[in-house]
C-alpha atoms as a PDB file:
ATOM      1  CA  MET A   1      -0.109  -0.103   0.082  1.00  0.00           C
ATOM      2  CA  VAL A   2       1.064   3.485  -0.958  1.00  0.00           C
ATOM      3  CA  TYR A   3      -0.100   6.438   1.191  1.00  0.00           C
ATOM      4  CA  THR A   4      -0.913   9.555  -1.157  1.00  0.00           C
ATOM      5  CA  PRO A   5      -2.346  13.110  -0.955  1.00  0.00           C
ATOM      6  CA  VAL A   6      -6.188  11.386  -1.550  1.00  0.00           C
ATOM      7  CA  GLY A   7      -5.841   8.157   0.890  1.00  0.00           C
ATOM      8  CA  ILE A   8      -4.210   5.191   0.698  1.00  0.00           C
ATOM      9  CA  LYS A   9      -3.509   3.243  -2.620  1.00  0.00           C
ATOM     10  CA  CYS A  10      -2.451  -0.194  -4.518  1.00  0.00           C
ATOM     11  CA  PRO A  11       0.889   0.164  -5.741  1.00  0.00           C
ATOM     12  CA  GLU A  12      -0.449   0.555  -9.476  1.00  0.00           C
ATOM     13  CA  CYS A  13      -2.770   2.876  -8.860  1.00  0.00           C
ATOM     14  CA  ALA A  14      -0.197   5.345  -7.028  1.00  0.00           C
ATOM     15  CA  ARG A  15       1.722   5.679 -10.015  1.00  0.00           C
ATOM     16  CA  GLN A  16       2.591   9.249 -10.973  1.00  0.00           C
ATOM     17  CA  PRO A  17       2.124   9.882 -14.853  1.00  0.00           C
ATOM     18  CA  ARG A  18       5.660  10.677 -16.402  1.00  0.00           C
ATOM     19  CA  SER A  19       6.631  14.314 -16.108  1.00  0.00           C
ATOM     20  CA  ALA A  20       4.478  17.153 -18.151  1.00  0.00           C
ATOM     21  CA  ILE A  21       7.620  18.785 -18.441  1.00  0.00           C
ATOM     22  CA  ALA A  22       8.285  18.559 -22.227  1.00  0.00           C
ATOM     23  CA  ARG A  23      11.495  20.394 -23.747  1.00  0.00           C
ATOM     24  CA  LEU A  24      12.785  21.022 -27.375  1.00  0.00           C
ATOM     25  CA  ARG A  25      15.634  18.342 -28.023  1.00  0.00           C
ATOM     26  CA  PRO A  26      19.077  19.390 -28.520  1.00  0.00           C
ATOM     27  CA  ASP A  27      18.973  17.943 -32.160  1.00  0.00           C
ATOM     28  CA  ARG A  28      15.845  19.888 -32.771  1.00  0.00           C
ATOM     29  CA  MET A  29      17.106  23.153 -31.506  1.00  0.00           C
ATOM     30  CA  ALA A  30      20.493  23.189 -33.302  1.00  0.00           C
ATOM     31  CA  ARG A  31      18.701  22.832 -36.478  1.00  0.00           C
ATOM     32  CA  THR A  32      16.025  25.577 -35.802  1.00  0.00           C
ATOM     33  CA  ILE A  33      19.327  27.783 -35.451  1.00  0.00           C
ATOM     34  CA  GLY A  34      21.114  26.263 -38.218  1.00  0.00           C
ATOM     35  CA  ALA A  35      17.363  27.338 -40.228  1.00  0.00           C
ATOM     36  CA  ALA A  36      17.107  30.629 -38.834  1.00  0.00           C
ATOM     37  CA  PHE A  37      20.478  31.806 -39.864  1.00  0.00           C
ATOM     38  CA  ALA A  38      20.576  30.128 -43.238  1.00  0.00           C
ATOM     39  CA  GLY A  39      16.990  31.488 -43.570  1.00  0.00           C
ATOM     40  CA  GLY A  40      17.962  35.403 -42.301  1.00  0.00           C
ATOM     41  CA  LEU A  41      20.827  35.104 -44.813  1.00  0.00           C
ATOM     42  CA  ALA A  42      18.436  34.820 -47.833  1.00  0.00           C
ATOM     43  CA  MET A  43      15.778  37.196 -45.956  1.00  0.00           C
ATOM     44  CA  GLY A  44      18.933  39.629 -46.215  1.00  0.00           C
ATOM     45  CA  PHE A  45      19.194  39.415 -49.235  1.00  0.00           C
ATOM     46  CA  GLY A  46      16.158  40.010 -49.941  1.00  0.00           C
ATOM     47  CA  ILE A  47      16.544  43.547 -48.118  1.00  0.00           C
ATOM     48  CA  LEU A  48      19.419  44.505 -50.461  1.00  0.00           C
ATOM     49  CA  VAL A  49      17.675  43.839 -53.297  1.00  0.00           C
ATOM     50  CA  LEU A  50      14.570  45.715 -52.256  1.00  0.00           C
ATOM     51  CA  GLN A  51      15.752  48.466 -49.935  1.00  0.00           C
ATOM     52  CA  ASN A  52      14.757  51.398 -52.028  1.00  0.00           C
ATOM     53  CA  LEU A  53      11.069  51.282 -52.065  1.00  0.00           C
ATOM     54  CA  GLY A  54       9.745  53.396 -48.954  1.00  0.00           C
ATOM     55  CA  LEU A  55       8.360  53.102 -46.134  1.00  0.00           C
ATOM     56  CA  PHE A  56       5.426  51.378 -46.926  1.00  0.00           C
ATOM     57  CA  PHE A  57       7.134  48.842 -48.345  1.00  0.00           C
ATOM     58  CA  ALA A  58       9.515  48.142 -45.056  1.00  0.00           C
ATOM     59  CA  LEU A  59       6.634  48.001 -42.834  1.00  0.00           C
ATOM     60  CA  ILE A  60       4.927  45.071 -45.250  1.00  0.00           C
ATOM     61  CA  LEU A  61       8.582  43.938 -45.842  1.00  0.00           C
ATOM     62  CA  GLY A  62       8.891  43.930 -41.674  1.00  0.00           C
ATOM     63  CA  TRP A  63       5.677  41.525 -41.386  1.00  0.00           C
ATOM     64  CA  LEU A  64       6.729  39.614 -43.993  1.00  0.00           C
ATOM     65  CA  ILE A  65      10.400  38.748 -43.044  1.00  0.00           C
ATOM     66  CA  GLY A  66       8.308  38.141 -39.473  1.00  0.00           C
ATOM     67  CA  ILE A  67       5.761  35.970 -40.799  1.00  0.00           C
ATOM     68  CA  GLY A  68       8.434  33.685 -42.686  1.00  0.00           C
ATOM     69  CA  MET A  69      11.003  33.642 -40.081  1.00  0.00           C
ATOM     70  CA  SER A  70       8.581  32.046 -37.532  1.00  0.00           C
ATOM     71  CA  GLU A  71       7.165  29.565 -40.207  1.00  0.00           C
ATOM     72  CA  LEU A  72      10.974  28.247 -40.929  1.00  0.00           C
ATOM     73  CA  VAL A  73      11.423  28.438 -37.374  1.00  0.00           C
ATOM     74  CA  LEU A  74       8.358  26.298 -36.796  1.00  0.00           C
ATOM     75  CA  TRP A  75       9.272  23.873 -39.491  1.00  0.00           C
ATOM     76  CA  ALA A  76      12.898  23.108 -38.373  1.00  0.00           C
ATOM     77  CA  SER A  77      12.097  22.643 -35.019  1.00  0.00           C
ATOM     78  CA  GLY A  78       8.959  19.979 -35.997  1.00  0.00           C
ATOM     79  CA  ARG A  79       6.106  22.467 -34.934  1.00  0.00           C
ATOM     80  CA  TRP A  80       7.862  23.380 -31.516  1.00  0.00           C
ATOM     81  CA  ARG A  81       6.008  26.229 -29.847  1.00  0.00           C
ATOM     82  CA  GLY A  82       7.346  28.058 -27.059  1.00  0.00           C
ATOM     83  CA  ARG A  83       9.921  30.446 -25.196  1.00  0.00           C
ATOM     84  CA  GLU A  84      13.152  28.510 -27.163  1.00  0.00           C
ATOM     85  CA  THR A  85      11.484  28.624 -30.690  1.00  0.00           C
ATOM     86  CA  ALA A  86      10.337  32.210 -29.933  1.00  0.00           C
ATOM     87  CA  TRP A  87      13.805  33.714 -28.812  1.00  0.00           C
ATOM     88  CA  ILE A  88      15.253  31.775 -32.051  1.00  0.00           C
ATOM     89  CA  ALA A  89      12.743  33.019 -34.569  1.00  0.00           C
ATOM     90  CA  LEU A  90      13.812  36.621 -32.660  1.00  0.00           C
ATOM     91  CA  GLY A  91      17.484  36.336 -33.174  1.00  0.00           C
ATOM     92  CA  GLY A  92      16.650  34.978 -36.662  1.00  0.00           C
ATOM     93  CA  CYS A  93      14.821  38.314 -37.631  1.00  0.00           C
ATOM     94  CA  VAL A  94      17.332  40.464 -36.132  1.00  0.00           C
ATOM     95  CA  TRP A  95      20.025  38.455 -37.701  1.00  0.00           C
ATOM     96  CA  THR A  96      18.092  39.554 -40.873  1.00  0.00           C
ATOM     97  CA  TYR A  97      18.741  42.807 -40.592  1.00  0.00           C
ATOM     98  CA  VAL A  98      21.929  42.408 -39.430  1.00  0.00           C
ATOM     99  CA  VAL A  99      23.261  40.674 -42.663  1.00  0.00           C
ATOM    100  CA  PRO A 100      22.341  43.223 -45.225  1.00  0.00           C
ATOM    101  CA  TYR A 101      24.155  46.046 -43.338  1.00  0.00           C
ATOM    102  CA  GLY A 102      26.928  44.084 -41.488  1.00  0.00           C
ATOM    103  CA  LEU A 103      27.851  41.933 -44.316  1.00  0.00           C
ATOM    104  CA  PHE A 104      27.395  43.446 -47.373  1.00  0.00           C
ATOM    105  CA  TYR A 105      27.929  47.154 -46.679  1.00  0.00           C
ATOM    106  CA  GLY A 106      30.619  46.253 -43.783  1.00  0.00           C
ATOM    107  CA  ILE A 107      30.981  47.684 -40.173  1.00  0.00           C
ATOM    108  CA  ASP A 108      30.628  51.325 -41.327  1.00  0.00           C
ATOM    109  CA  VAL A 109      26.724  51.821 -41.673  1.00  0.00           C
ATOM    110  CA  GLY A 110      26.993  55.716 -42.053  1.00  0.00           C
ATOM    111  CA  ASP A 111      25.753  55.825 -45.590  1.00  0.00           C
ATOM    112  CA  ILE A 112      22.592  54.265 -44.270  1.00  0.00           C
ATOM    113  CA  ALA A 113      22.265  56.614 -41.638  1.00  0.00           C
ATOM    114  CA  ARG A 114      22.632  59.504 -43.291  1.00  0.00           C
ATOM    115  CA  SER A 115      20.031  58.458 -46.063  1.00  0.00           C
ATOM    116  CA  GLY A 116      17.075  58.969 -43.520  1.00  0.00           C
ATOM    117  CA  SER A 117      16.286  54.933 -44.274  1.00  0.00           C
ATOM    118  CA  LEU A 118      17.655  53.902 -41.302  1.00  0.00           C
ATOM    119  CA  ALA A 119      14.629  54.555 -39.346  1.00  0.00           C
ATOM    120  CA  PHE A 120      12.652  52.465 -41.939  1.00  0.00           C
ATOM    121  CA  VAL A 121      14.819  49.736 -41.208  1.00  0.00           C
ATOM    122  CA  PHE A 122      14.627  49.807 -37.415  1.00  0.00           C
ATOM    123  CA  LEU A 123      11.125  49.992 -37.730  1.00  0.00           C
ATOM    124  CA  GLY A 124      10.690  46.902 -40.358  1.00  0.00           C
ATOM    125  CA  ALA A 125      13.222  45.110 -37.455  1.00  0.00           C
ATOM    126  CA  VAL A 126      10.709  45.761 -34.634  1.00  0.00           C
ATOM    127  CA  ILE A 127       7.800  44.771 -36.985  1.00  0.00           C
ATOM    128  CA  ALA A 128       9.466  41.283 -38.170  1.00  0.00           C
ATOM    129  CA  CYS A 129      10.504  40.816 -34.677  1.00  0.00           C
ATOM    130  CA  TYR A 130       6.916  41.313 -33.260  1.00  0.00           C
ATOM    131  CA  VAL A 131       5.301  39.337 -35.399  1.00  0.00           C
ATOM    132  CA  ALA A 132       7.797  36.312 -35.308  1.00  0.00           C
ATOM    133  CA  TRP A 133       7.586  36.594 -31.420  1.00  0.00           C
ATOM    134  CA  ASN A 134       3.626  36.105 -31.350  1.00  0.00           C
ATOM    135  CA  ARG A 135       3.770  33.530 -33.847  1.00  0.00           C
ATOM    136  CA  VAL A 136       5.666  31.277 -32.573  1.00  0.00           C
ATOM    137  CA  GLN A 137       4.856  31.600 -28.948  1.00  0.00           C
END
């Protein structure tokens, strides 16, 4: 006999279920991070190609990048939703906006800051991060 909070039970009835805490497996997490990295490179190249289209397009592009990154992260993680995948999607969105201005232009982003498009880039990145975070979590 086993003493439980609800009374005495036989050993078979007193067995506790397996832990309800489920975690993202390390192999899927590595695959998800790799997919976010590769997807950020591809989307960053797309930003380079489409960067001169203005504020309205920057908002739409941020929304589309957020959706694309969230779907990519969900696909790579096996449709796992949680804080881990939300942070990976957020990092992927930030990486998407760092790629064109950090890698293709070098560390000197003075031309972008002087041209006035830095505000558009920042606003698009915020929208992308917000959309990706809400879709994945």
